[in-house]
Amino acid sequence: MSSPLLDVWEAAAASPYHPAVGKDAQFTLGFVLLLISLVLVTVFSLNRSFVNLPLLGVPGSLAFGFGSVFMICAAGVYV
């Protein structure tokens, strides 16, 4: 008698998970994203307007969020 869970387990063994960003590249990518966010947020803080909000503020915030998560994962702290 075969169980559905065992079938899923055996099917998953044939295709292992490969992350989009490897463990060795997490620190570099996190550092670059944090550096980009620092530049974007600095330029945005010097030129605050509603036009610059979607052009500089949102990408800077997203770069900071993803960069900080990558740096945390690269340092070995799991969130």
PDB file of N, CA and C in Angstrom:
ATOM      1  N   MET A   1       0.832  -1.173   0.000  1.00  0.00           N
ATOM      2  CA  MET A   1       0.000   0.000   0.000  1.00  0.00           C
ATOM      3  C   MET A   1       0.882   1.243   0.000  1.00  0.00           C
ATOM      4  N   SER A   2       0.616   2.138  -0.896  1.00  0.00           N
ATOM      5  CA  SER A   2       1.412   3.349  -1.035  1.00  0.00           C
ATOM      6  C   SER A   2       0.638   4.537  -0.481  1.00  0.00           C
ATOM      7  N   SER A   3       1.352   5.379   0.245  1.00  0.00           N
ATOM      8  CA  SER A   3       0.699   6.573   0.782  1.00  0.00           C
ATOM      9  C   SER A   3       1.023   7.769  -0.100  1.00  0.00           C
ATOM     10  N   PRO A   4       0.126   8.740  -0.174  1.00  0.00           N
ATOM     11  CA  PRO A   4       0.389   9.915  -1.010  1.00  0.00           C
ATOM     12  C   PRO A   4       1.599  10.724  -0.522  1.00  0.00           C
ATOM     13  N   LEU A   5       1.801  10.758   0.785  1.00  0.00           N
ATOM     14  CA  LEU A   5       2.941  11.489   1.312  1.00  0.00           C
ATOM     15  C   LEU A   5       4.260  10.848   0.892  1.00  0.00           C
ATOM     16  N   LEU A   6       4.310   9.544   0.885  1.00  0.00           N
ATOM     17  CA  LEU A   6       5.520   8.843   0.445  1.00  0.00           C
ATOM     18  C   LEU A   6       5.781   9.083  -1.038  1.00  0.00           C
ATOM     19  N   ASP A   7       4.721   9.153  -1.838  1.00  0.00           N
ATOM     20  CA  ASP A   7       4.884   9.447  -3.265  1.00  0.00           C
ATOM     21  C   ASP A   7       5.443  10.850  -3.484  1.00  0.00           C
ATOM     22  N   VAL A   8       4.959  11.806  -2.717  1.00  0.00           N
ATOM     23  CA  VAL A   8       5.473  13.178  -2.823  1.00  0.00           C
ATOM     24  C   VAL A   8       6.930  13.226  -2.397  1.00  0.00           C
ATOM     25  N   TRP A   9       7.273  12.519  -1.326  1.00  0.00           N
ATOM     26  CA  TRP A   9       8.652  12.489  -0.833  1.00  0.00           C
ATOM     27  C   TRP A   9       9.602  11.918  -1.884  1.00  0.00           C
ATOM     28  N   GLU A  10       9.207  10.841  -2.525  1.00  0.00           N
ATOM     29  CA  GLU A  10      10.056  10.219  -3.537  1.00  0.00           C
ATOM     30  C   GLU A  10      10.152  11.077  -4.795  1.00  0.00           C
ATOM     31  N   ALA A  11       9.091  11.782  -5.151  1.00  0.00           N
ATOM     32  CA  ALA A  11       9.134  12.662  -6.322  1.00  0.00           C
ATOM     33  C   ALA A  11      10.030  13.873  -6.050  1.00  0.00           C
ATOM     34  N   ALA A  12      10.021  14.354  -4.816  1.00  0.00           N
ATOM     35  CA  ALA A  12      10.850  15.515  -4.478  1.00  0.00           C
ATOM     36  C   ALA A  12      12.330  15.148  -4.422  1.00  0.00           C
ATOM     37  N   ALA A  13      12.650  13.909  -4.160  1.00  0.00           N
ATOM     38  CA  ALA A  13      14.049  13.492  -4.084  1.00  0.00           C
ATOM     39  C   ALA A  13      14.731  13.580  -5.450  1.00  0.00           C
ATOM     40  N   ALA A  14      13.953  13.471  -6.510  1.00  0.00           N
ATOM     41  CA  ALA A  14      14.534  13.518  -7.849  1.00  0.00           C
ATOM     42  C   ALA A  14      14.861  14.945  -8.286  1.00  0.00           C
ATOM     43  N   SER A  15      14.235  15.944  -7.679  1.00  0.00           N
ATOM     44  CA  SER A  15      14.500  17.338  -8.065  1.00  0.00           C
ATOM     45  C   SER A  15      14.825  18.160  -6.820  1.00  0.00           C
ATOM     46  N   PRO A  16      16.095  18.254  -6.462  1.00  0.00           N
ATOM     47  CA  PRO A  16      16.467  19.007  -5.258  1.00  0.00           C
ATOM     48  C   PRO A  16      16.262  20.509  -5.447  1.00  0.00           C
ATOM     49  N   TYR A  17      16.153  21.204  -4.335  1.00  0.00           N
ATOM     50  CA  TYR A  17      15.933  22.649  -4.339  1.00  0.00           C
ATOM     51  C   TYR A  17      17.256  23.381  -4.545  1.00  0.00           C
ATOM     52  N   HIS A  18      17.266  24.312  -5.481  1.00  0.00           N
ATOM     53  CA  HIS A  18      18.432  25.159  -5.732  1.00  0.00           C
ATOM     54  C   HIS A  18      17.997  26.608  -5.557  1.00  0.00           C
ATOM     55  N   PRO A  19      18.528  27.318  -4.571  1.00  0.00           N
ATOM     56  CA  PRO A  19      18.104  28.706  -4.350  1.00  0.00           C
ATOM     57  C   PRO A  19      18.581  29.631  -5.468  1.00  0.00           C
ATOM     58  N   ALA A  20      17.864  30.740  -5.638  1.00  0.00           N
ATOM     59  CA  ALA A  20      18.219  31.703  -6.680  1.00  0.00           C
ATOM     60  C   ALA A  20      19.544  32.397  -6.362  1.00  0.00           C
ATOM     61  N   VAL A  21      19.801  32.644  -5.078  1.00  0.00           N
ATOM     62  CA  VAL A  21      21.055  33.262  -4.640  1.00  0.00           C
ATOM     63  C   VAL A  21      21.773  32.251  -3.764  1.00  0.00           C
ATOM     64  N   GLY A  22      22.964  31.867  -4.165  1.00  0.00           N
ATOM     65  CA  GLY A  22      23.728  30.878  -3.416  1.00  0.00           C
ATOM     66  C   GLY A  22      24.239  31.417  -2.092  1.00  0.00           C
ATOM     67  N   LYS A  23      24.640  30.523  -1.235  1.00  0.00           N
ATOM     68  CA  LYS A  23      25.121  30.895   0.094  1.00  0.00           C
ATOM     69  C   LYS A  23      26.375  31.769   0.015  1.00  0.00           C
ATOM     70  N   ASP A  24      27.226  31.527  -0.966  1.00  0.00           N
ATOM     71  CA  ASP A  24      28.466  32.296  -1.091  1.00  0.00           C
ATOM     72  C   ASP A  24      28.233  33.720  -1.588  1.00  0.00           C
ATOM     73  N   ALA A  25      27.124  33.963  -2.278  1.00  0.00           N
ATOM     74  CA  ALA A  25      26.867  35.278  -2.851  1.00  0.00           C
ATOM     75  C   ALA A  25      25.959  36.149  -1.984  1.00  0.00           C
ATOM     76  N   GLN A  26      25.464  35.638  -0.876  1.00  0.00           N
ATOM     77  CA  GLN A  26      24.529  36.402  -0.057  1.00  0.00           C
ATOM     78  C   GLN A  26      25.173  37.636   0.561  1.00  0.00           C
ATOM     79  N   PHE A  27      26.390  37.519   1.040  1.00  0.00           N
ATOM     80  CA  PHE A  27      27.053  38.660   1.663  1.00  0.00           C
ATOM     81  C   PHE A  27      27.298  39.767   0.644  1.00  0.00           C
ATOM     82  N   THR A  28      27.797  39.392  -0.535  1.00  0.00           N
ATOM     83  CA  THR A  28      28.087  40.383  -1.568  1.00  0.00           C
ATOM     84  C   THR A  28      26.812  41.074  -2.034  1.00  0.00           C
ATOM     85  N   LEU A  29      25.775  40.306  -2.297  1.00  0.00           N
ATOM     86  CA  LEU A  29      24.518  40.886  -2.746  1.00  0.00           C
ATOM     87  C   LEU A  29      23.898  41.768  -1.663  1.00  0.00           C
ATOM     88  N   GLY A  30      23.941  41.337  -0.426  1.00  0.00           N
ATOM     89  CA  GLY A  30      23.422  42.142   0.674  1.00  0.00           C
ATOM     90  C   GLY A  30      24.176  43.445   0.835  1.00  0.00           C
ATOM     91  N   PHE A  31      25.482  43.399   0.722  1.00  0.00           N
ATOM     92  CA  PHE A  31      26.295  44.607   0.843  1.00  0.00           C
ATOM     93  C   PHE A  31      26.005  45.585  -0.288  1.00  0.00           C
ATOM     94  N   VAL A  32      25.892  45.074  -1.509  1.00  0.00           N
ATOM     95  CA  VAL A  32      25.599  45.934  -2.660  1.00  0.00           C
ATOM     96  C   VAL A  32      24.213  46.563  -2.526  1.00  0.00           C
ATOM     97  N   LEU A  33      23.229  45.779  -2.094  1.00  0.00           N
ATOM     98  CA  LEU A  33      21.879  46.328  -1.917  1.00  0.00           C
ATOM     99  C   LEU A  33      21.845  47.385  -0.819  1.00  0.00           C
ATOM    100  N   LEU A  34      22.559  47.170   0.262  1.00  0.00           N
ATOM    101  CA  LEU A  34      22.602  48.178   1.324  1.00  0.00           C
ATOM    102  C   LEU A  34      23.325  49.445   0.860  1.00  0.00           C
ATOM    103  N   LEU A  35      24.348  49.290   0.067  1.00  0.00           N
ATOM    104  CA  LEU A  35      25.056  50.454  -0.467  1.00  0.00           C
ATOM    105  C   LEU A  35      24.167  51.234  -1.432  1.00  0.00           C
ATOM    106  N   ILE A  36      23.445  50.538  -2.288  1.00  0.00           N
ATOM    107  CA  ILE A  36      22.506  51.194  -3.209  1.00  0.00           C
ATOM    108  C   ILE A  36      21.414  51.911  -2.432  1.00  0.00           C
ATOM    109  N   SER A  37      20.902  51.274  -1.386  1.00  0.00           N
ATOM    110  CA  SER A  37      19.846  51.908  -0.599  1.00  0.00           C
ATOM    111  C   SER A  37      20.355  53.151   0.113  1.00  0.00           C
ATOM    112  N   LEU A  38      21.582  53.121   0.573  1.00  0.00           N
ATOM    113  CA  LEU A  38      22.162  54.302   1.226  1.00  0.00           C
ATOM    114  C   LEU A  38      22.256  55.480   0.253  1.00  0.00           C
ATOM    115  N   VAL A  39      22.680  55.205  -0.975  1.00  0.00           N
ATOM    116  CA  VAL A  39      22.786  56.263  -1.983  1.00  0.00           C
ATOM    117  C   VAL A  39      21.399  56.792  -2.348  1.00  0.00           C
ATOM    118  N   LEU A  40      20.445  55.900  -2.600  1.00  0.00           N
ATOM    119  CA  LEU A  40      19.105  56.331  -3.009  1.00  0.00           C
ATOM    120  C   LEU A  40      18.393  57.119  -1.914  1.00  0.00           C
ATOM    121  N   VAL A  41      18.494  56.657  -0.684  1.00  0.00           N
ATOM    122  CA  VAL A  41      17.820  57.349   0.411  1.00  0.00           C
ATOM    123  C   VAL A  41      18.491  58.688   0.702  1.00  0.00           C
ATOM    124  N   THR A  42      19.811  58.779   0.536  1.00  0.00           N
ATOM    125  CA  THR A  42      20.505  60.054   0.731  1.00  0.00           C
ATOM    126  C   THR A  42      20.075  61.071  -0.323  1.00  0.00           C
ATOM    127  N   VAL A  43      20.025  60.659  -1.578  1.00  0.00           N
ATOM    128  CA  VAL A  43      19.579  61.564  -2.642  1.00  0.00           C
ATOM    129  C   VAL A  43      18.121  61.953  -2.418  1.00  0.00           C
ATOM    130  N   PHE A  44      17.294  60.999  -1.999  1.00  0.00           N
ATOM    131  CA  PHE A  44      15.892  61.308  -1.735  1.00  0.00           C
ATOM    132  C   PHE A  44      15.741  62.283  -0.575  1.00  0.00           C
ATOM    133  N   SER A  45      16.549  62.148   0.454  1.00  0.00           N
ATOM    134  CA  SER A  45      16.426  63.049   1.601  1.00  0.00           C
ATOM    135  C   SER A  45      16.875  64.475   1.255  1.00  0.00           C
ATOM    136  N   LEU A  46      17.759  64.609   0.271  1.00  0.00           N
ATOM    137  CA  LEU A  46      18.177  65.940  -0.166  1.00  0.00           C
ATOM    138  C   LEU A  46      17.155  66.592  -1.097  1.00  0.00           C
ATOM    139  N   ASN A  47      16.401  65.810  -1.829  1.00  0.00           N
ATOM    140  CA  ASN A  47      15.414  66.293  -2.802  1.00  0.00           C
ATOM    141  C   ASN A  47      14.048  65.697  -2.522  1.00  0.00           C
ATOM    142  N   ARG A  48      13.417  66.019  -1.437  1.00  0.00           N
ATOM    143  CA  ARG A  48      12.126  65.424  -1.111  1.00  0.00           C
ATOM    144  C   ARG A  48      11.016  66.063  -1.928  1.00  0.00           C
ATOM    145  N   SER A  49      10.307  65.242  -2.685  1.00  0.00           N
ATOM    146  CA  SER A  49       9.121  65.676  -3.411  1.00  0.00           C
ATOM    147  C   SER A  49       8.291  64.434  -3.734  1.00  0.00           C
ATOM    148  N   PHE A  50       7.061  64.676  -4.177  1.00  0.00           N
ATOM    149  CA  PHE A  50       6.195  63.548  -4.520  1.00  0.00           C
ATOM    150  C   PHE A  50       6.671  62.850  -5.784  1.00  0.00           C
ATOM    151  N   VAL A  51       7.388  63.557  -6.635  1.00  0.00           N
ATOM    152  CA  VAL A  51       7.923  62.943  -7.856  1.00  0.00           C
ATOM    153  C   VAL A  51       9.056  61.986  -7.512  1.00  0.00           C
ATOM    154  N   ASN A  52       9.896  62.361  -6.549  1.00  0.00           N
ATOM    155  CA  ASN A  52      11.036  61.525  -6.171  1.00  0.00           C
ATOM    156  C   ASN A  52      10.660  60.350  -5.281  1.00  0.00           C
ATOM    157  N   LEU A  53       9.463  60.366  -4.718  1.00  0.00           N
ATOM    158  CA  LEU A  53       9.064  59.265  -3.833  1.00  0.00           C
ATOM    159  C   LEU A  53       9.035  57.924  -4.564  1.00  0.00           C
ATOM    160  N   PRO A  54       8.329  57.789  -5.706  1.00  0.00           N
ATOM    161  CA  PRO A  54       8.369  56.485  -6.382  1.00  0.00           C
ATOM    162  C   PRO A  54       9.684  56.219  -7.117  1.00  0.00           C
ATOM    163  N   LEU A  55      10.427  57.279  -7.440  1.00  0.00           N
ATOM    164  CA  LEU A  55      11.669  57.098  -8.189  1.00  0.00           C
ATOM    165  C   LEU A  55      12.858  56.750  -7.301  1.00  0.00           C
ATOM    166  N   LEU A  56      12.894  57.302  -6.098  1.00  0.00           N
ATOM    167  CA  LEU A  56      14.053  57.096  -5.224  1.00  0.00           C
ATOM    168  C   LEU A  56      13.692  56.456  -3.886  1.00  0.00           C
ATOM    169  N   GLY A  57      12.596  56.900  -3.280  1.00  0.00           N
ATOM    170  CA  GLY A  57      12.243  56.429  -1.939  1.00  0.00           C
ATOM    171  C   GLY A  57      11.839  54.967  -1.887  1.00  0.00           C
ATOM    172  N   VAL A  58      10.964  54.557  -2.795  1.00  0.00           N
ATOM    173  CA  VAL A  58      10.483  53.167  -2.797  1.00  0.00           C
ATOM    174  C   VAL A  58      11.598  52.185  -3.162  1.00  0.00           C
ATOM    175  N   PRO A  59      12.354  52.415  -4.244  1.00  0.00           N
ATOM    176  CA  PRO A  59      13.462  51.485  -4.524  1.00  0.00           C
ATOM    177  C   PRO A  59      14.521  51.457  -3.422  1.00  0.00           C
ATOM    178  N   GLY A  60      14.769  52.606  -2.790  1.00  0.00           N
ATOM    179  CA  GLY A  60      15.730  52.629  -1.685  1.00  0.00           C
ATOM    180  C   GLY A  60      15.245  51.811  -0.502  1.00  0.00           C
ATOM    181  N   SER A  61      13.957  51.912  -0.205  1.00  0.00           N
ATOM    182  CA  SER A  61      13.391  51.135   0.903  1.00  0.00           C
ATOM    183  C   SER A  61      13.408  49.640   0.608  1.00  0.00           C
ATOM    184  N   LEU A  62      13.063  49.286  -0.619  1.00  0.00           N
ATOM    185  CA  LEU A  62      13.093  47.868  -0.990  1.00  0.00           C
ATOM    186  C   LEU A  62      14.516  47.312  -0.973  1.00  0.00           C
ATOM    187  N   ALA A  63      15.462  48.084  -1.462  1.00  0.00           N
ATOM    188  CA  ALA A  63      16.862  47.639  -1.439  1.00  0.00           C
ATOM    189  C   ALA A  63      17.349  47.469  -0.010  1.00  0.00           C
ATOM    190  N   PHE A  64      16.936  48.365   0.889  1.00  0.00           N
ATOM    191  CA  PHE A  64      17.332  48.230   2.287  1.00  0.00           C
ATOM    192  C   PHE A  64      16.713  46.990   2.922  1.00  0.00           C
ATOM    193  N   GLY A  65      15.440  46.740   2.633  1.00  0.00           N
ATOM    194  CA  GLY A  65      14.777  45.566   3.203  1.00  0.00           C
ATOM    195  C   GLY A  65      15.406  44.264   2.755  1.00  0.00           C
ATOM    196  N   PHE A  66      15.577  44.104   1.440  1.00  0.00           N
ATOM    197  CA  PHE A  66      16.164  42.865   0.934  1.00  0.00           C
ATOM    198  C   PHE A  66      17.644  42.760   1.302  1.00  0.00           C
ATOM    199  N   GLY A  67      18.358  43.874   1.286  1.00  0.00           N
ATOM    200  CA  GLY A  67      19.770  43.853   1.652  1.00  0.00           C
ATOM    201  C   GLY A  67      19.991  43.460   3.092  1.00  0.00           C
ATOM    202  N   SER A  68      19.134  43.967   3.988  1.00  0.00           N
ATOM    203  CA  SER A  68      19.296  43.605   5.402  1.00  0.00           C
ATOM    204  C   SER A  68      18.980  42.131   5.639  1.00  0.00           C
ATOM    205  N   VAL A  69      17.992  41.597   4.934  1.00  0.00           N
ATOM    206  CA  VAL A  69      17.687  40.162   5.083  1.00  0.00           C
ATOM    207  C   VAL A  69      18.837  39.313   4.558  1.00  0.00           C
ATOM    208  N   PHE A  70      19.416  39.698   3.412  1.00  0.00           N
ATOM    209  CA  PHE A  70      20.553  38.945   2.889  1.00  0.00           C
ATOM    210  C   PHE A  70      21.757  39.021   3.809  1.00  0.00           C
ATOM    211  N   MET A  71      22.009  40.175   4.410  1.00  0.00           N
ATOM    212  CA  MET A  71      23.136  40.295   5.333  1.00  0.00           C
ATOM    213  C   MET A  71      22.901  39.472   6.609  1.00  0.00           C
ATOM    214  N   ILE A  72      21.668  39.455   7.090  1.00  0.00           N
ATOM    215  CA  ILE A  72      21.350  38.658   8.279  1.00  0.00           C
ATOM    216  C   ILE A  72      21.562  37.172   7.964  1.00  0.00           C
ATOM    217  N   CYS A  73      21.099  36.731   6.801  1.00  0.00           N
ATOM    218  CA  CYS A  73      21.275  35.324   6.420  1.00  0.00           C
ATOM    219  C   CYS A  73      22.746  34.992   6.176  1.00  0.00           C
ATOM    220  N   ALA A  74      23.502  35.932   5.619  1.00  0.00           N
ATOM    221  CA  ALA A  74      24.927  35.683   5.363  1.00  0.00           C
ATOM    222  C   ALA A  74      25.708  35.585   6.657  1.00  0.00           C
ATOM    223  N   ALA A  75      25.257  36.300   7.684  1.00  0.00           N
ATOM    224  CA  ALA A  75      25.940  36.260   8.976  1.00  0.00           C
ATOM    225  C   ALA A  75      25.582  35.028   9.796  1.00  0.00           C
ATOM    226  N   GLY A  76      24.564  34.298   9.364  1.00  0.00           N
ATOM    227  CA  GLY A  76      24.191  33.077  10.055  1.00  0.00           C
ATOM    228  C   GLY A  76      23.048  33.226  11.041  1.00  0.00           C
ATOM    229  N   VAL A  77      22.409  34.378  11.056  1.00  0.00           N
ATOM    230  CA  VAL A  77      21.242  34.588  11.923  1.00  0.00           C
ATOM    231  C   VAL A  77      20.015  34.314  11.068  1.00  0.00           C
ATOM    232  N   TYR A  78      19.219  33.352  11.441  1.00  0.00           N
ATOM    233  CA  TYR A  78      18.073  32.975  10.639  1.00  0.00           C
ATOM    234  C   TYR A  78      16.825  33.668  11.136  1.00  0.00           C
ATOM    235  N   VAL A  79      16.087  34.274  10.196  1.00  0.00           N
ATOM    236  CA  VAL A  79      14.848  34.982  10.544  1.00  0.00           C
ATOM    237  C   VAL A  79      13.651  34.150  10.185  1.00  0.00           C
TER     238      VAL A  79
END
